[in-house]
Amino acid sequence: MAALFTGKVLLANRERDELDTERELLRALDNKVLLLFFGSGQCPRCRRFAPLLRDFFLRLTDQFYVERASQLGLVYVSRDETEEQQSRFLRTMPKRWLALPFGDAFSRELELRFAVSELPAVVVLKPNGDVIAENAVDEIRRAGPACFRNWQEAAELVDRNFLLAEDFEEWSRRSVTDPLRRLKYKLDKKTKVGEGEEEDEEAS
């Protein structure tokens, strides 16, 4: 996914850091489901949706809610009228968000590439850049953090450590990788049993 922003600059939210080298972009975006959030602090619909998206993102990335941050990144693509409006809006959003610099022409390129025709819009991308959802606003409103599991599977990401806090006691049953884990356990167990039987035969 870092390839989408090669040669571009991303800003770390509420910090002066600029991510502009391939190494920095890889560290921030590689092997993650990426959300491109097209919005504006002056848009009434965006202002209503932004708190939902903020909560959605925090529940998947903040240690208060999860054992380990999920493989999820977000880049804010601004349609704000001024840089101050963009900065003021981002100050109310999570620190892990990234953003294109105000007035960056690449914002318009992204709008055209992903056919964004209304605000707010959340384009969901696989790590290789393929589109999972053209606009996930309604899905996020309806399903909340649960829809990340569908995106994770669609992106073919295997993350055994992803765990919602409320799922902690039942995570073995509900984990996306649980069937694979159980199959591996059964195979390992059969292998050990088979080796034990061979050793018994050799001993006799």
N, C-alpha and C. Protein backbone atom coordinates (compact mmCIF):
# COMPACT_ATOMS: atom_id res chain seq x y z
N MET A 1 0.82 -1.20 0.00
CA MET A 1 0.00 0.00 0.00
C MET A 1 0.86 1.26 0.00
N ALA A 2 2.07 1.14 0.55
CA ALA A 2 2.97 2.29 0.55
C ALA A 2 3.24 2.76 -0.87
N ALA A 3 3.13 1.84 -1.86
CA ALA A 3 3.41 2.20 -3.25
C ALA A 3 2.47 3.30 -3.75
N LEU A 4 1.24 3.34 -3.21
CA LEU A 4 0.27 4.35 -3.62
C LEU A 4 0.79 5.75 -3.30
N PHE A 5 1.59 5.87 -2.24
CA PHE A 5 2.07 7.17 -1.79
C PHE A 5 3.56 7.39 -2.06
N THR A 6 4.15 6.53 -2.88
CA THR A 6 5.56 6.70 -3.22
C THR A 6 5.78 8.07 -3.87
N GLY A 7 6.75 8.80 -3.36
CA GLY A 7 7.03 10.13 -3.87
C GLY A 7 6.13 11.21 -3.29
N LYS A 8 5.21 10.82 -2.40
CA LYS A 8 4.30 11.78 -1.77
C LYS A 8 4.70 12.00 -0.32
N VAL A 9 4.05 12.93 0.32
CA VAL A 9 4.29 13.23 1.73
C VAL A 9 3.01 12.99 2.52
N LEU A 10 3.13 12.28 3.64
CA LEU A 10 2.02 12.13 4.57
C LEU A 10 2.42 12.78 5.89
N LEU A 11 1.45 13.37 6.55
CA LEU A 11 1.69 14.03 7.83
C LEU A 11 1.16 13.17 8.96
N ALA A 12 1.96 13.05 10.02
CA ALA A 12 1.50 12.37 11.23
C ALA A 12 0.58 13.34 11.98
N ASN A 13 -0.59 12.87 12.37
CA ASN A 13 -1.58 13.75 12.98
C ASN A 13 -1.08 14.37 14.28
N ARG A 14 -1.27 15.68 14.37
CA ARG A 14 -0.92 16.47 15.56
C ARG A 14 0.57 16.46 15.86
N GLU A 15 1.38 16.11 14.88
CA GLU A 15 2.84 16.16 15.04
C GLU A 15 3.43 16.85 13.81
N ARG A 16 4.68 17.24 13.92
CA ARG A 16 5.33 17.91 12.80
C ARG A 16 6.01 16.91 11.87
N ASP A 17 5.95 15.62 12.23
CA ASP A 17 6.64 14.61 11.44
C ASP A 17 6.02 14.46 10.05
N GLU A 18 6.89 14.37 9.06
CA GLU A 18 6.47 14.09 7.70
C GLU A 18 6.99 12.72 7.30
N LEU A 19 6.12 11.90 6.75
CA LEU A 19 6.52 10.59 6.25
C LEU A 19 6.70 10.73 4.75
N ASP A 20 7.94 10.76 4.31
CA ASP A 20 8.17 10.97 2.89
C ASP A 20 9.19 10.02 2.29
N THR A 21 9.82 9.19 3.10
CA THR A 21 10.76 8.22 2.55
C THR A 21 10.07 6.87 2.41
N GLU A 22 10.61 6.04 1.54
CA GLU A 22 10.00 4.72 1.32
C GLU A 22 9.97 3.92 2.62
N ARG A 23 11.02 4.03 3.41
CA ARG A 23 11.09 3.28 4.66
C ARG A 23 10.00 3.72 5.63
N GLU A 24 9.81 5.04 5.75
CA GLU A 24 8.78 5.55 6.67
C GLU A 24 7.38 5.15 6.21
N LEU A 25 7.14 5.23 4.90
CA LEU A 25 5.83 4.87 4.36
C LEU A 25 5.56 3.38 4.55
N LEU A 26 6.59 2.55 4.34
CA LEU A 26 6.43 1.11 4.55
C LEU A 26 6.06 0.81 6.00
N ARG A 27 6.76 1.46 6.92
CA ARG A 27 6.51 1.21 8.33
C ARG A 27 5.09 1.61 8.72
N ALA A 28 4.58 2.68 8.12
CA ALA A 28 3.26 3.18 8.48
C ALA A 28 2.12 2.45 7.78
N LEU A 29 2.36 1.94 6.56
CA LEU A 29 1.25 1.45 5.74
C LEU A 29 1.37 0.00 5.30
N ASP A 30 2.56 -0.58 5.37
CA ASP A 30 2.74 -1.92 4.79
C ASP A 30 1.94 -2.98 5.54
N ASN A 31 1.36 -3.91 4.78
CA ASN A 31 0.61 -5.05 5.33
C ASN A 31 -0.56 -4.61 6.22
N LYS A 32 -1.24 -3.57 5.78
CA LYS A 32 -2.41 -3.10 6.54
C LYS A 32 -3.59 -2.87 5.60
N VAL A 33 -4.77 -3.02 6.16
CA VAL A 33 -5.97 -2.53 5.48
C VAL A 33 -5.93 -1.01 5.63
N LEU A 34 -6.10 -0.30 4.52
CA LEU A 34 -5.99 1.16 4.57
C LEU A 34 -7.34 1.81 4.28
N LEU A 35 -7.71 2.75 5.13
CA LEU A 35 -8.90 3.56 4.91
C LEU A 35 -8.48 4.92 4.39
N LEU A 36 -9.06 5.32 3.27
CA LEU A 36 -8.90 6.69 2.78
C LEU A 36 -10.17 7.43 3.14
N PHE A 37 -10.07 8.37 4.07
CA PHE A 37 -11.24 9.11 4.54
C PHE A 37 -11.28 10.46 3.84
N PHE A 38 -12.25 10.61 2.94
CA PHE A 38 -12.46 11.87 2.24
C PHE A 38 -13.51 12.65 3.02
N GLY A 39 -13.13 13.80 3.52
CA GLY A 39 -14.07 14.54 4.33
C GLY A 39 -13.67 15.99 4.50
N SER A 40 -14.47 16.70 5.29
CA SER A 40 -14.22 18.10 5.56
C SER A 40 -14.85 18.46 6.89
N GLY A 41 -14.13 19.25 7.67
CA GLY A 41 -14.66 19.69 8.95
C GLY A 41 -15.83 20.63 8.81
N GLN A 42 -16.05 21.16 7.60
CA GLN A 42 -17.15 22.10 7.37
C GLN A 42 -18.40 21.41 6.82
N CYS A 43 -18.28 20.13 6.49
CA CYS A 43 -19.40 19.38 5.93
C CYS A 43 -20.25 18.83 7.07
N PRO A 44 -21.55 19.17 7.15
CA PRO A 44 -22.41 18.69 8.25
C PRO A 44 -22.45 17.17 8.35
N ARG A 45 -22.56 16.47 7.21
CA ARG A 45 -22.59 15.00 7.24
C ARG A 45 -21.26 14.45 7.75
N CYS A 46 -20.15 15.09 7.37
CA CYS A 46 -18.83 14.65 7.85
C CYS A 46 -18.71 14.85 9.35
N ARG A 47 -19.22 15.97 9.85
CA ARG A 47 -19.14 16.24 11.29
C ARG A 47 -19.95 15.22 12.08
N ARG A 48 -21.07 14.75 11.52
CA ARG A 48 -21.87 13.73 12.20
C ARG A 48 -21.19 12.37 12.15
N PHE A 49 -20.53 12.07 11.05
CA PHE A 49 -19.90 10.76 10.87
C PHE A 49 -18.54 10.67 11.56
N ALA A 50 -17.81 11.76 11.64
CA ALA A 50 -16.44 11.74 12.16
C ALA A 50 -16.32 11.11 13.56
N PRO A 51 -17.20 11.43 14.53
CA PRO A 51 -17.08 10.77 15.83
C PRO A 51 -17.24 9.25 15.75
N LEU A 52 -18.11 8.78 14.85
CA LEU A 52 -18.28 7.33 14.67
C LEU A 52 -17.00 6.71 14.12
N LEU A 53 -16.39 7.37 13.15
CA LEU A 53 -15.14 6.86 12.57
C LEU A 53 -14.01 6.92 13.58
N ARG A 54 -13.99 7.98 14.38
CA ARG A 54 -12.98 8.10 15.42
C ARG A 54 -13.09 6.93 16.41
N ASP A 55 -14.32 6.66 16.87
CA ASP A 55 -14.54 5.56 17.81
C ASP A 55 -14.22 4.22 17.16
N PHE A 56 -14.63 4.05 15.91
CA PHE A 56 -14.35 2.83 15.16
C PHE A 56 -12.85 2.57 15.11
N PHE A 57 -12.08 3.59 14.77
CA PHE A 57 -10.62 3.45 14.64
C PHE A 57 -9.97 3.16 15.99
N LEU A 58 -10.40 3.87 17.03
CA LEU A 58 -9.82 3.67 18.35
C LEU A 58 -10.08 2.26 18.88
N ARG A 59 -11.28 1.74 18.63
CA ARG A 59 -11.62 0.40 19.12
C ARG A 59 -10.80 -0.69 18.44
N LEU A 60 -10.18 -0.38 17.32
CA LEU A 60 -9.36 -1.35 16.61
C LEU A 60 -7.87 -1.12 16.80
N THR A 61 -7.49 0.02 17.33
CA THR A 61 -6.06 0.34 17.41
C THR A 61 -5.58 0.78 18.79
N ASP A 62 -6.49 1.16 19.67
CA ASP A 62 -6.09 1.66 20.99
C ASP A 62 -5.97 0.52 21.99
N GLN A 63 -4.92 0.54 22.79
CA GLN A 63 -4.67 -0.55 23.75
C GLN A 63 -5.73 -0.63 24.84
N PHE A 64 -6.52 0.41 24.98
CA PHE A 64 -7.62 0.35 25.94
C PHE A 64 -8.65 -0.68 25.51
N TYR A 65 -8.79 -0.87 24.19
CA TYR A 65 -9.80 -1.77 23.65
C TYR A 65 -9.24 -3.09 23.14
N VAL A 66 -8.02 -3.10 22.65
CA VAL A 66 -7.46 -4.30 22.02
C VAL A 66 -6.12 -4.65 22.64
N GLU A 67 -5.80 -5.94 22.61
CA GLU A 67 -4.52 -6.40 23.13
C GLU A 67 -3.36 -5.84 22.30
N ARG A 68 -3.59 -5.76 21.00
CA ARG A 68 -2.56 -5.23 20.12
C ARG A 68 -3.26 -4.53 18.96
N ALA A 69 -2.71 -3.40 18.52
CA ALA A 69 -3.33 -2.65 17.44
C ALA A 69 -3.50 -3.51 16.20
N SER A 70 -4.68 -3.43 15.60
CA SER A 70 -4.95 -4.23 14.40
C SER A 70 -4.21 -3.65 13.21
N GLN A 71 -4.21 -4.43 12.14
CA GLN A 71 -3.51 -4.04 10.92
C GLN A 71 -4.40 -3.08 10.13
N LEU A 72 -4.46 -1.86 10.63
CA LEU A 72 -5.37 -0.86 10.07
C LEU A 72 -4.68 0.49 10.05
N GLY A 73 -4.76 1.15 8.91
CA GLY A 73 -4.24 2.51 8.79
C GLY A 73 -5.30 3.41 8.20
N LEU A 74 -5.14 4.71 8.41
CA LEU A 74 -6.10 5.67 7.88
C LEU A 74 -5.37 6.91 7.40
N VAL A 75 -5.74 7.37 6.21
CA VAL A 75 -5.21 8.62 5.66
C VAL A 75 -6.38 9.55 5.40
N TYR A 76 -6.31 10.73 5.99
CA TYR A 76 -7.35 11.74 5.80
C TYR A 76 -7.05 12.54 4.53
N VAL A 77 -8.00 12.53 3.61
CA VAL A 77 -7.88 13.28 2.37
C VAL A 77 -8.84 14.46 2.48
N SER A 78 -8.28 15.63 2.70
CA SER A 78 -9.08 16.79 3.09
C SER A 78 -9.74 17.52 1.92
N ARG A 79 -10.96 17.96 2.20
CA ARG A 79 -11.62 18.93 1.31
C ARG A 79 -11.89 20.21 2.09
N ASP A 80 -11.12 20.42 3.14
CA ASP A 80 -11.28 21.63 3.94
C ASP A 80 -10.89 22.86 3.13
N GLU A 81 -11.48 23.99 3.46
CA GLU A 81 -11.24 25.22 2.70
C GLU A 81 -9.94 25.89 3.09
N THR A 82 -9.49 25.70 4.32
CA THR A 82 -8.23 26.31 4.76
C THR A 82 -7.41 25.29 5.55
N GLU A 83 -6.13 25.57 5.66
CA GLU A 83 -5.24 24.69 6.42
C GLU A 83 -5.62 24.67 7.89
N GLU A 84 -6.07 25.82 8.39
CA GLU A 84 -6.48 25.90 9.79
C GLU A 84 -7.70 25.02 10.05
N GLN A 85 -8.65 24.99 9.12
CA GLN A 85 -9.82 24.12 9.26
C GLN A 85 -9.40 22.66 9.31
N GLN A 86 -8.47 22.29 8.43
CA GLN A 86 -7.98 20.90 8.43
C GLN A 86 -7.29 20.57 9.74
N SER A 87 -6.43 21.47 10.22
CA SER A 87 -5.70 21.24 11.48
C SER A 87 -6.65 21.14 12.66
N ARG A 88 -7.65 22.02 12.67
CA ARG A 88 -8.61 22.03 13.78
C ARG A 88 -9.41 20.72 13.80
N PHE A 89 -9.80 20.24 12.63
CA PHE A 89 -10.54 18.99 12.55
C PHE A 89 -9.67 17.82 13.01
N LEU A 90 -8.43 17.75 12.54
CA LEU A 90 -7.55 16.63 12.87
C LEU A 90 -7.18 16.60 14.35
N ARG A 91 -7.17 17.76 14.99
CA ARG A 91 -6.84 17.78 16.43
C ARG A 91 -7.87 17.02 17.25
N THR A 92 -9.06 16.82 16.73
CA THR A 92 -10.10 16.08 17.46
C THR A 92 -10.10 14.60 17.11
N MET A 93 -9.18 14.18 16.23
CA MET A 93 -9.13 12.81 15.75
C MET A 93 -7.92 12.07 16.32
N PRO A 94 -7.88 10.73 16.21
CA PRO A 94 -6.79 9.95 16.81
C PRO A 94 -5.41 10.31 16.28
N LYS A 95 -4.42 10.18 17.13
CA LYS A 95 -3.05 10.52 16.75
C LYS A 95 -2.49 9.58 15.67
N ARG A 96 -3.02 8.37 15.60
CA ARG A 96 -2.51 7.41 14.61
C ARG A 96 -2.97 7.72 13.19
N TRP A 97 -3.90 8.65 13.05
CA TRP A 97 -4.32 9.03 11.70
C TRP A 97 -3.17 9.71 10.97
N LEU A 98 -3.14 9.52 9.66
CA LEU A 98 -2.22 10.25 8.80
C LEU A 98 -3.05 11.16 7.91
N ALA A 99 -2.39 12.11 7.26
CA ALA A 99 -3.12 13.03 6.39
C ALA A 99 -2.22 13.52 5.27
N LEU A 100 -2.84 13.79 4.14
CA LEU A 100 -2.11 14.49 3.08
C LEU A 100 -1.99 15.96 3.47
N PRO A 101 -0.90 16.60 3.12
CA PRO A 101 -0.78 18.03 3.43
C PRO A 101 -1.91 18.83 2.79
N PHE A 102 -2.29 19.91 3.44
CA PHE A 102 -3.37 20.74 2.91
C PHE A 102 -3.00 21.25 1.52
N GLY A 103 -3.96 21.15 0.61
CA GLY A 103 -3.76 21.66 -0.74
C GLY A 103 -2.94 20.76 -1.65
N ASP A 104 -2.58 19.58 -1.19
CA ASP A 104 -1.81 18.65 -2.02
C ASP A 104 -2.64 18.23 -3.23
N ALA A 105 -2.08 18.37 -4.42
CA ALA A 105 -2.81 18.02 -5.65
C ALA A 105 -3.13 16.54 -5.73
N PHE A 106 -2.41 15.72 -4.96
CA PHE A 106 -2.66 14.28 -4.98
C PHE A 106 -4.04 13.94 -4.43
N SER A 107 -4.60 14.83 -3.62
CA SER A 107 -5.95 14.63 -3.09
C SER A 107 -6.95 14.50 -4.23
N ARG A 108 -6.83 15.39 -5.20
CA ARG A 108 -7.74 15.35 -6.34
C ARG A 108 -7.51 14.09 -7.17
N GLU A 109 -6.27 13.67 -7.31
CA GLU A 109 -5.97 12.44 -8.04
C GLU A 109 -6.64 11.24 -7.38
N LEU A 110 -6.60 11.20 -6.05
CA LEU A 110 -7.22 10.10 -5.32
C LEU A 110 -8.74 10.12 -5.50
N GLU A 111 -9.33 11.31 -5.45
CA GLU A 111 -10.78 11.43 -5.66
C GLU A 111 -11.18 10.87 -7.02
N LEU A 112 -10.42 11.19 -8.05
CA LEU A 112 -10.73 10.72 -9.40
C LEU A 112 -10.47 9.22 -9.52
N ARG A 113 -9.37 8.76 -8.95
CA ARG A 113 -9.01 7.34 -9.05
C ARG A 113 -10.08 6.45 -8.43
N PHE A 114 -10.62 6.89 -7.27
CA PHE A 114 -11.59 6.06 -6.56
C PHE A 114 -13.02 6.56 -6.73
N ALA A 115 -13.23 7.44 -7.71
CA ALA A 115 -14.57 7.90 -8.08
C ALA A 115 -15.37 8.41 -6.88
N VAL A 116 -14.74 9.22 -6.06
CA VAL A 116 -15.41 9.79 -4.89
C VAL A 116 -16.33 10.91 -5.35
N SER A 117 -17.62 10.77 -5.11
CA SER A 117 -18.59 11.76 -5.59
C SER A 117 -19.36 12.44 -4.47
N GLU A 118 -19.18 11.96 -3.23
CA GLU A 118 -19.90 12.56 -2.11
C GLU A 118 -19.05 12.48 -0.85
N LEU A 119 -19.40 13.32 0.10
CA LEU A 119 -18.73 13.32 1.40
C LEU A 119 -19.76 13.01 2.48
N PRO A 120 -19.35 12.29 3.53
CA PRO A 120 -18.04 11.65 3.68
C PRO A 120 -17.94 10.38 2.83
N ALA A 121 -16.72 9.96 2.58
CA ALA A 121 -16.47 8.71 1.87
C ALA A 121 -15.27 8.02 2.52
N VAL A 122 -15.39 6.70 2.70
CA VAL A 122 -14.28 5.91 3.25
C VAL A 122 -14.01 4.77 2.26
N VAL A 123 -12.90 4.88 1.54
CA VAL A 123 -12.50 3.84 0.61
C VAL A 123 -11.61 2.86 1.36
N VAL A 124 -11.93 1.57 1.28
CA VAL A 124 -11.18 0.55 2.00
C VAL A 124 -10.32 -0.21 0.99
N LEU A 125 -9.01 -0.27 1.26
CA LEU A 125 -8.06 -0.86 0.32
C LEU A 125 -7.28 -2.00 0.95
N LYS A 126 -7.01 -3.03 0.13
CA LYS A 126 -6.11 -4.10 0.54
C LYS A 126 -4.67 -3.57 0.55
N PRO A 127 -3.74 -4.31 1.17
CA PRO A 127 -2.34 -3.89 1.15
C PRO A 127 -1.77 -3.74 -0.26
N ASN A 128 -2.32 -4.48 -1.23
CA ASN A 128 -1.81 -4.38 -2.60
C ASN A 128 -2.50 -3.27 -3.40
N GLY A 129 -3.43 -2.54 -2.77
CA GLY A 129 -4.09 -1.43 -3.43
C GLY A 129 -5.44 -1.75 -4.02
N ASP A 130 -5.83 -3.03 -4.04
CA ASP A 130 -7.15 -3.39 -4.56
C ASP A 130 -8.25 -2.86 -3.62
N VAL A 131 -9.39 -2.53 -4.20
CA VAL A 131 -10.49 -1.95 -3.42
C VAL A 131 -11.32 -3.06 -2.78
N ILE A 132 -11.50 -2.96 -1.47
CA ILE A 132 -12.41 -3.85 -0.74
C ILE A 132 -13.81 -3.25 -0.70
N ALA A 133 -13.88 -1.95 -0.42
CA ALA A 133 -15.17 -1.26 -0.37
C ALA A 133 -15.00 0.15 -0.96
N GLU A 134 -15.88 0.50 -1.89
CA GLU A 134 -15.78 1.82 -2.53
C GLU A 134 -16.16 2.94 -1.58
N ASN A 135 -17.12 2.67 -0.69
CA ASN A 135 -17.48 3.63 0.34
C ASN A 135 -18.09 2.87 1.51
N ALA A 136 -17.34 2.77 2.59
CA ALA A 136 -17.74 1.94 3.74
C ALA A 136 -18.45 2.73 4.83
N VAL A 137 -18.89 3.94 4.52
CA VAL A 137 -19.54 4.77 5.54
C VAL A 137 -20.75 4.06 6.15
N ASP A 138 -21.64 3.55 5.31
CA ASP A 138 -22.84 2.87 5.83
C ASP A 138 -22.47 1.60 6.57
N GLU A 139 -21.48 0.87 6.09
CA GLU A 139 -21.06 -0.37 6.75
C GLU A 139 -20.50 -0.09 8.14
N ILE A 140 -19.71 0.97 8.25
CA ILE A 140 -19.15 1.35 9.56
C ILE A 140 -20.27 1.78 10.50
N ARG A 141 -21.23 2.53 9.98
CA ARG A 141 -22.36 2.95 10.82
C ARG A 141 -23.15 1.74 11.32
N ARG A 142 -23.35 0.78 10.43
CA ARG A 142 -24.21 -0.37 10.74
C ARG A 142 -23.51 -1.42 11.61
N ALA A 143 -22.28 -1.78 11.26
CA ALA A 143 -21.62 -2.91 11.92
C ALA A 143 -20.53 -2.51 12.90
N GLY A 144 -20.03 -1.30 12.82
CA GLY A 144 -18.97 -0.89 13.73
C GLY A 144 -17.70 -1.70 13.51
N PRO A 145 -16.89 -1.88 14.56
CA PRO A 145 -15.60 -2.56 14.42
C PRO A 145 -15.68 -3.99 13.88
N ALA A 146 -16.86 -4.60 13.97
CA ALA A 146 -16.99 -5.99 13.50
C ALA A 146 -16.69 -6.11 12.01
N CYS A 147 -16.89 -5.04 11.24
CA CYS A 147 -16.67 -5.16 9.80
C CYS A 147 -15.18 -5.29 9.47
N PHE A 148 -14.30 -4.95 10.42
CA PHE A 148 -12.87 -5.11 10.14
C PHE A 148 -12.50 -6.56 9.87
N ARG A 149 -13.17 -7.48 10.54
CA ARG A 149 -12.86 -8.90 10.33
C ARG A 149 -13.13 -9.31 8.88
N ASN A 150 -14.22 -8.78 8.32
CA ASN A 150 -14.52 -9.06 6.91
C ASN A 150 -13.44 -8.49 6.00
N TRP A 151 -12.98 -7.28 6.30
CA TRP A 151 -11.93 -6.66 5.49
C TRP A 151 -10.62 -7.43 5.64
N GLN A 152 -10.36 -7.87 6.87
CA GLN A 152 -9.14 -8.62 7.15
C GLN A 152 -9.10 -9.90 6.32
N GLU A 153 -10.24 -10.59 6.26
CA GLU A 153 -10.31 -11.81 5.46
C GLU A 153 -10.20 -11.50 3.98
N ALA A 154 -10.87 -10.46 3.52
CA ALA A 154 -10.81 -10.08 2.11
C ALA A 154 -9.39 -9.70 1.70
N ALA A 155 -8.65 -9.10 2.64
CA ALA A 155 -7.28 -8.69 2.36
C ALA A 155 -6.30 -9.84 2.55
N GLU A 156 -6.82 -10.99 3.03
CA GLU A 156 -6.00 -12.18 3.28
C GLU A 156 -4.87 -11.89 4.26
N LEU A 157 -5.22 -11.10 5.28
CA LEU A 157 -4.28 -10.84 6.37
C LEU A 157 -4.53 -11.86 7.46
N VAL A 158 -3.48 -12.49 7.94
CA VAL A 158 -3.61 -13.43 9.05
C VAL A 158 -2.92 -12.80 10.25
N ASP A 159 -3.71 -12.48 11.24
CA ASP A 159 -3.19 -11.82 12.44
C ASP A 159 -3.75 -12.51 13.66
N ARG A 160 -3.03 -13.46 14.20
CA ARG A 160 -3.52 -14.24 15.34
C ARG A 160 -3.73 -13.39 16.58
N ASN A 161 -3.04 -12.25 16.66
CA ASN A 161 -3.08 -11.47 17.89
C ASN A 161 -4.20 -10.44 17.91
N PHE A 162 -4.93 -10.28 16.78
CA PHE A 162 -6.03 -9.32 16.80
C PHE A 162 -7.13 -9.79 17.74
N LEU A 163 -7.55 -8.93 18.63
CA LEU A 163 -8.50 -9.35 19.66
C LEU A 163 -9.24 -8.16 20.23
N LEU A 164 -10.55 -8.13 20.05
CA LEU A 164 -11.35 -7.10 20.71
C LEU A 164 -11.41 -7.40 22.20
N ALA A 165 -11.34 -6.38 23.02
CA ALA A 165 -11.29 -6.60 24.47
C ALA A 165 -12.50 -7.39 24.96
N GLU A 166 -13.69 -7.08 24.41
CA GLU A 166 -14.89 -7.77 24.88
C GLU A 166 -14.92 -9.23 24.45
N ASP A 167 -14.06 -9.59 23.48
CA ASP A 167 -14.02 -10.97 23.00
C ASP A 167 -12.96 -11.80 23.72
N PHE A 168 -12.29 -11.23 24.72
CA PHE A 168 -11.12 -11.87 25.29
C PHE A 168 -11.39 -13.30 25.77
N GLU A 169 -12.50 -13.51 26.48
CA GLU A 169 -12.77 -14.82 27.06
C GLU A 169 -13.17 -15.84 26.01
N GLU A 170 -13.72 -15.35 24.87
CA GLU A 170 -14.22 -16.27 23.85
C GLU A 170 -13.39 -16.23 22.57
N TRP A 171 -12.16 -15.68 22.66
CA TRP A 171 -11.44 -15.40 21.42
C TRP A 171 -11.07 -16.66 20.66
N SER A 172 -10.87 -17.78 21.34
CA SER A 172 -10.51 -19.00 20.64
C SER A 172 -11.62 -19.44 19.70
N ARG A 173 -12.87 -19.32 20.16
CA ARG A 173 -14.00 -19.73 19.35
C ARG A 173 -14.27 -18.76 18.21
N ARG A 174 -14.03 -17.46 18.44
CA ARG A 174 -14.46 -16.47 17.48
C ARG A 174 -13.33 -15.95 16.60
N SER A 175 -12.09 -16.33 16.88
CA SER A 175 -10.97 -15.83 16.11
C SER A 175 -11.09 -16.24 14.65
N VAL A 176 -10.67 -15.33 13.76
CA VAL A 176 -10.69 -15.62 12.33
C VAL A 176 -9.79 -16.81 12.01
N THR A 177 -8.67 -16.92 12.73
CA THR A 177 -7.69 -17.98 12.44
C THR A 177 -7.92 -19.23 13.26
N ASP A 178 -9.01 -19.26 14.02
CA ASP A 178 -9.24 -20.40 14.90
C ASP A 178 -9.28 -21.74 14.17
N PRO A 179 -10.00 -21.87 13.03
CA PRO A 179 -9.99 -23.17 12.34
C PRO A 179 -8.60 -23.61 11.92
N LEU A 180 -7.78 -22.67 11.47
CA LEU A 180 -6.40 -23.01 11.09
C LEU A 180 -5.60 -23.45 12.31
N ARG A 181 -5.80 -22.74 13.42
CA ARG A 181 -5.06 -23.06 14.64
C ARG A 181 -5.43 -24.45 15.14
N ARG A 182 -6.74 -24.77 15.09
CA ARG A 182 -7.18 -26.08 15.57
C ARG A 182 -6.66 -27.20 14.67
N LEU A 183 -6.68 -26.95 13.35
CA LEU A 183 -6.18 -27.95 12.42
C LEU A 183 -4.70 -28.22 12.67
N LYS A 184 -3.93 -27.16 12.87
CA LYS A 184 -2.50 -27.31 13.14
C LYS A 184 -2.28 -28.10 14.43
N TYR A 185 -3.09 -27.81 15.44
CA TYR A 185 -2.97 -28.51 16.71
C TYR A 185 -3.24 -30.00 16.53
N LYS A 186 -4.30 -30.31 15.75
CA LYS A 186 -4.63 -31.73 15.52
C LYS A 186 -3.52 -32.44 14.76
N LEU A 187 -2.97 -31.77 13.74
CA LEU A 187 -1.90 -32.38 12.96
C LEU A 187 -0.66 -32.62 13.82
N ASP A 188 -0.32 -31.60 14.64
CA ASP A 188 0.83 -31.75 15.54
C ASP A 188 0.63 -32.89 16.51
N LYS A 189 -0.60 -32.99 17.03
CA LYS A 189 -0.91 -34.04 18.01
C LYS A 189 -0.81 -35.42 17.37
N LYS A 190 -1.35 -35.55 16.13
CA LYS A 190 -1.26 -36.84 15.44
C LYS A 190 0.19 -37.22 15.15
N THR A 191 0.98 -36.23 14.77
CA THR A 191 2.40 -36.48 14.49
C THR A 191 3.11 -36.99 15.72
N LYS A 192 2.84 -36.35 16.87
CA LYS A 192 3.48 -36.76 18.10
C LYS A 192 3.04 -38.16 18.52
N VAL A 193 1.73 -38.44 18.33
CA VAL A 193 1.23 -39.77 18.66
C VAL A 193 1.88 -40.81 17.76
N GLY A 194 1.99 -40.51 16.48
CA GLY A 194 2.61 -41.42 15.53
C GLY A 194 4.06 -41.68 15.88
N GLU A 195 4.78 -40.64 16.26
CA GLU A 195 6.18 -40.81 16.65
C GLU A 195 6.29 -41.64 17.90
N GLY A 196 5.35 -41.44 18.83
CA GLY A 196 5.36 -42.23 20.07
C GLY A 196 5.13 -43.70 19.79
N GLU A 197 4.23 -44.02 18.84
CA GLU A 197 3.95 -45.42 18.50
C GLU A 197 5.17 -46.06 17.83
N GLU A 198 5.87 -45.30 17.00
CA GLU A 198 7.06 -45.84 16.36
C GLU A 198 8.12 -46.17 17.39
N GLU A 199 8.28 -45.28 18.38
CA GLU A 199 9.28 -45.51 19.41
C GLU A 199 8.93 -46.75 20.23
N ASP A 200 7.62 -46.97 20.48
CA ASP A 200 7.19 -48.15 21.24
C ASP A 200 7.51 -49.42 20.47
N GLU A 201 7.28 -49.38 19.12
CA GLU A 201 7.54 -50.56 18.29
C GLU A 201 9.04 -50.87 18.26
N GLU A 202 9.86 -49.82 18.17
CA GLU A 202 11.30 -50.04 18.17
C GLU A 202 11.79 -50.59 19.50
N ALA A 203 11.19 -50.13 20.58
CA ALA A 203 11.59 -50.60 21.91
C ALA A 203 11.22 -52.05 22.12
N SER A 204 10.07 -52.50 21.52
CA SER A 204 9.64 -53.88 21.69
C SER A 204 10.42 -54.79 20.73
